[in-house]
Amino acid sequence: DFNSYAYSFEGAEDGVEYYGSAISLKSETAIKHYFYFEDEENIPTVTVNGKEVTPVKNGGYYEVKISDIPAHKLHEMYEVKVGGFTLNYGVFSYCYTASSKTSDQKLVDVANALHAYNQAAIEYIS
């Protein structure tokens, strides 16, 4: 049950549009958020958990990447601020969305496996 990990956002920033998020499970676990900036010459300040980051152009959008998320922290939420817009999102937020809005059993199985992996990692380091 990933209900407690549902993402949330509040506020707004003129000229900024949140496009969506994805997770990467390749050589690292990462969260990627995508934003559209109307005025690319005046991108507002972007922070992740209070630390300033620089969005990277990726096609028609800008990507804010949270990299190297260890297995024992897969359950943690991250606060992404873009000017006056705040997004609270974690790896399990993606799992929440995937498991509640899809009939793709393989994707649901991956979400459940990530949760089991997180729990095993927490037990291992305890």
C-alpha atoms as a PDB file:
ATOM      1  CA  ASP A   1       0.000   0.000   0.000  1.00  0.00           C
ATOM      2  CA  PHE A   2       1.708   3.163  -1.227  1.00  0.00           C
ATOM      3  CA  ASN A   3      -1.065   5.606  -0.232  1.00  0.00           C
ATOM      4  CA  SER A   4       1.096   7.370   2.356  1.00  0.00           C
ATOM      5  CA  TYR A   5       3.628   8.168  -0.397  1.00  0.00           C
ATOM      6  CA  ALA A   6       1.273  10.072  -2.697  1.00  0.00           C
ATOM      7  CA  TYR A   7       3.034  13.133  -4.065  1.00  0.00           C
ATOM      8  CA  SER A   8       1.770  16.590  -3.298  1.00  0.00           C
ATOM      9  CA  PHE A   9       2.344  20.050  -4.641  1.00  0.00           C
ATOM     10  CA  GLU A  10       1.396  23.517  -3.574  1.00  0.00           C
ATOM     11  CA  GLY A  11       1.860  27.060  -4.688  1.00  0.00           C
ATOM     12  CA  ALA A  12       2.640  28.297  -8.151  1.00  0.00           C
ATOM     13  CA  GLU A  13       5.290  30.168 -10.080  1.00  0.00           C
ATOM     14  CA  ASP A  14       4.425  32.328 -13.078  1.00  0.00           C
ATOM     15  CA  GLY A  15       5.861  30.886 -16.267  1.00  0.00           C
ATOM     16  CA  VAL A  16       6.588  27.473 -14.718  1.00  0.00           C
ATOM     17  CA  GLU A  17       4.712  24.289 -15.566  1.00  0.00           C
ATOM     18  CA  TYR A  18       5.314  20.929 -13.884  1.00  0.00           C
ATOM     19  CA  TYR A  19       5.246  18.315 -16.635  1.00  0.00           C
ATOM     20  CA  GLY A  20       5.766  15.079 -14.686  1.00  0.00           C
ATOM     21  CA  SER A  21       8.203  12.723 -12.998  1.00  0.00           C
ATOM     22  CA  ALA A  22       9.937   9.429 -13.642  1.00  0.00           C
ATOM     23  CA  ILE A  23      12.278   7.106 -11.806  1.00  0.00           C
ATOM     24  CA  SER A  24      15.412   5.497 -13.153  1.00  0.00           C
ATOM     25  CA  LEU A  25      16.513   2.084 -11.908  1.00  0.00           C
ATOM     26  CA  LYS A  26      19.555   1.576 -14.094  1.00  0.00           C
ATOM     27  CA  SER A  27      23.053   2.021 -12.630  1.00  0.00           C
ATOM     28  CA  GLU A  28      21.559   4.144  -9.863  1.00  0.00           C
ATOM     29  CA  THR A  29      18.154   4.862  -8.434  1.00  0.00           C
ATOM     30  CA  ALA A  30      17.130   8.401  -9.339  1.00  0.00           C
ATOM     31  CA  ILE A  31      14.053  10.567  -9.563  1.00  0.00           C
ATOM     32  CA  LYS A  32      13.687  12.877 -12.542  1.00  0.00           C
ATOM     33  CA  HIS A  33      11.253  15.792 -12.509  1.00  0.00           C
ATOM     34  CA  TYR A  34      10.439  17.714 -15.673  1.00  0.00           C
ATOM     35  CA  PHE A  35       9.481  21.385 -15.862  1.00  0.00           C
ATOM     36  CA  TYR A  36       8.665  23.793 -18.645  1.00  0.00           C
ATOM     37  CA  PHE A  37      10.016  27.330 -18.215  1.00  0.00           C
ATOM     38  CA  GLU A  38       8.326  29.979 -20.312  1.00  0.00           C
ATOM     39  CA  ASP A  39      11.319  32.333 -19.969  1.00  0.00           C
ATOM     40  CA  GLU A  40      14.445  30.208 -20.216  1.00  0.00           C
ATOM     41  CA  GLU A  41      16.621  33.271 -19.584  1.00  0.00           C
ATOM     42  CA  ASN A  42      15.064  33.826 -16.130  1.00  0.00           C
ATOM     43  CA  ILE A  43      14.637  30.400 -14.551  1.00  0.00           C
ATOM     44  CA  PRO A  44      13.600  30.737 -10.901  1.00  0.00           C
ATOM     45  CA  THR A  45      15.723  29.298  -8.113  1.00  0.00           C
ATOM     46  CA  VAL A  46      15.368  25.510  -7.869  1.00  0.00           C
ATOM     47  CA  THR A  47      16.155  23.612  -4.663  1.00  0.00           C
ATOM     48  CA  VAL A  48      15.975  19.999  -3.534  1.00  0.00           C
ATOM     49  CA  ASN A  49      15.613  19.672   0.242  1.00  0.00           C
ATOM     50  CA  GLY A  50      16.897  23.232   0.563  1.00  0.00           C
ATOM     51  CA  LYS A  51      20.012  22.745  -1.588  1.00  0.00           C
ATOM     52  CA  GLU A  52      20.145  24.790  -4.799  1.00  0.00           C
ATOM     53  CA  VAL A  53      20.376  22.742  -8.003  1.00  0.00           C
ATOM     54  CA  THR A  54      20.619  23.612 -11.677  1.00  0.00           C
ATOM     55  CA  PRO A  55      17.951  22.150 -13.976  1.00  0.00           C
ATOM     56  CA  VAL A  56      19.328  20.588 -17.166  1.00  0.00           C
ATOM     57  CA  LYS A  57      17.684  21.125 -20.561  1.00  0.00           C
ATOM     58  CA  ASN A  58      16.214  17.869 -21.885  1.00  0.00           C
ATOM     59  CA  GLY A  59      14.261  18.337 -25.105  1.00  0.00           C
ATOM     60  CA  GLY A  60      11.602  20.985 -24.580  1.00  0.00           C
ATOM     61  CA  TYR A  61      11.733  20.638 -20.796  1.00  0.00           C
ATOM     62  CA  TYR A  62      14.188  21.057 -17.956  1.00  0.00           C
ATOM     63  CA  GLU A  63      15.091  18.088 -15.787  1.00  0.00           C
ATOM     64  CA  VAL A  64      15.715  18.198 -12.052  1.00  0.00           C
ATOM     65  CA  LYS A  65      17.412  14.943 -11.075  1.00  0.00           C
ATOM     66  CA  ILE A  66      17.763  13.487  -7.589  1.00  0.00           C
ATOM     67  CA  SER A  67      20.584  10.965  -7.950  1.00  0.00           C
ATOM     68  CA  ASP A  68      22.106   8.052  -6.071  1.00  0.00           C
ATOM     69  CA  ILE A  69      19.194   7.219  -3.799  1.00  0.00           C
ATOM     70  CA  PRO A  70      20.372   4.284  -1.642  1.00  0.00           C
ATOM     71  CA  ALA A  71      18.147   1.257  -1.068  1.00  0.00           C
ATOM     72  CA  HIS A  72      17.565   2.054   2.613  1.00  0.00           C
ATOM     73  CA  LYS A  73      16.249   5.523   1.675  1.00  0.00           C
ATOM     74  CA  LEU A  74      13.852   4.598  -1.126  1.00  0.00           C
ATOM     75  CA  HIS A  75      10.939   5.481   1.175  1.00  0.00           C
ATOM     76  CA  GLU A  76      12.097   9.067   1.784  1.00  0.00           C
ATOM     77  CA  MET A  77      10.325  12.075   0.318  1.00  0.00           C
ATOM     78  CA  TYR A  78      12.137  15.010  -1.321  1.00  0.00           C
ATOM     79  CA  GLU A  79      11.015  18.617  -1.406  1.00  0.00           C
ATOM     80  CA  VAL A  80      11.598  20.276  -4.773  1.00  0.00           C
ATOM     81  CA  LYS A  81      10.991  24.023  -4.881  1.00  0.00           C
ATOM     82  CA  VAL A  82      10.848  25.999  -8.094  1.00  0.00           C
ATOM     83  CA  GLY A  83      10.300  29.595  -7.084  1.00  0.00           C
ATOM     84  CA  GLY A  84       6.933  29.572  -5.286  1.00  0.00           C
ATOM     85  CA  PHE A  85       6.003  26.048  -6.443  1.00  0.00           C
ATOM     86  CA  THR A  86       6.727  23.130  -4.084  1.00  0.00           C
ATOM     87  CA  LEU A  87       6.606  19.446  -5.018  1.00  0.00           C
ATOM     88  CA  ASN A  88       6.940  16.685  -2.398  1.00  0.00           C
ATOM     89  CA  TYR A  89       7.837  13.450  -4.131  1.00  0.00           C
ATOM     90  CA  GLY A  90       9.784  10.224  -3.526  1.00  0.00           C
ATOM     91  CA  VAL A  91      10.513   6.963  -5.297  1.00  0.00           C
ATOM     92  CA  PHE A  92       7.430   5.436  -3.706  1.00  0.00           C
ATOM     93  CA  SER A  93       5.341   8.363  -4.983  1.00  0.00           C
ATOM     94  CA  TYR A  94       6.014   6.964  -8.437  1.00  0.00           C
ATOM     95  CA  CYS A  95       5.059   3.514  -7.141  1.00  0.00           C
ATOM     96  CA  TYR A  96       1.836   4.938  -5.687  1.00  0.00           C
ATOM     97  CA  THR A  97       0.882   6.475  -9.014  1.00  0.00           C
ATOM     98  CA  ALA A  98       1.901   3.373 -10.961  1.00  0.00           C
ATOM     99  CA  SER A  99       0.055   0.926  -8.727  1.00  0.00           C
ATOM    100  CA  SER A 100      -3.124   2.998  -8.482  1.00  0.00           C
ATOM    101  CA  LYS A 101      -3.442   4.062 -12.113  1.00  0.00           C
ATOM    102  CA  THR A 102      -2.329   1.104 -14.177  1.00  0.00           C
ATOM    103  CA  SER A 103      -3.357  -2.424 -14.933  1.00  0.00           C
ATOM    104  CA  ASP A 104       0.218  -3.273 -15.970  1.00  0.00           C
ATOM    105  CA  GLN A 105       0.996  -6.096 -13.545  1.00  0.00           C
ATOM    106  CA  LYS A 106       4.721  -5.988 -14.365  1.00  0.00           C
ATOM    107  CA  LEU A 107       4.912  -2.349 -13.243  1.00  0.00           C
ATOM    108  CA  VAL A 108       2.993  -3.161 -10.056  1.00  0.00           C
ATOM    109  CA  ASP A 109       5.384  -6.069  -9.417  1.00  0.00           C
ATOM    110  CA  VAL A 110       8.392  -3.749  -9.808  1.00  0.00           C
ATOM    111  CA  ALA A 111       6.832  -1.308  -7.327  1.00  0.00           C
ATOM    112  CA  ASN A 112       6.274  -4.099  -4.809  1.00  0.00           C
ATOM    113  CA  ALA A 113       9.796  -5.423  -5.323  1.00  0.00           C
ATOM    114  CA  LEU A 114      11.230  -1.942  -4.659  1.00  0.00           C
ATOM    115  CA  HIS A 115       9.308  -1.807  -1.395  1.00  0.00           C
ATOM    116  CA  ALA A 116      10.584  -5.243  -0.338  1.00  0.00           C
ATOM    117  CA  TYR A 117      14.140  -4.219  -1.314  1.00  0.00           C
ATOM    118  CA  ASN A 118      13.830  -1.045   0.788  1.00  0.00           C
ATOM    119  CA  GLN A 119      12.592  -2.984   3.817  1.00  0.00           C
ATOM    120  CA  ALA A 120      15.395  -5.564   3.512  1.00  0.00           C
ATOM    121  CA  ALA A 121      18.004  -2.788   3.227  1.00  0.00           C
ATOM    122  CA  ILE A 122      16.656  -1.034   6.331  1.00  0.00           C
ATOM    123  CA  GLU A 123      16.798  -4.299   8.283  1.00  0.00           C
ATOM    124  CA  TYR A 124      20.313  -4.999   7.012  1.00  0.00           C
ATOM    125  CA  ILE A 125      21.783  -1.697   8.201  1.00  0.00           C
ATOM    126  CA  SER A 126      19.942  -1.795  11.557  1.00  0.00           C
END
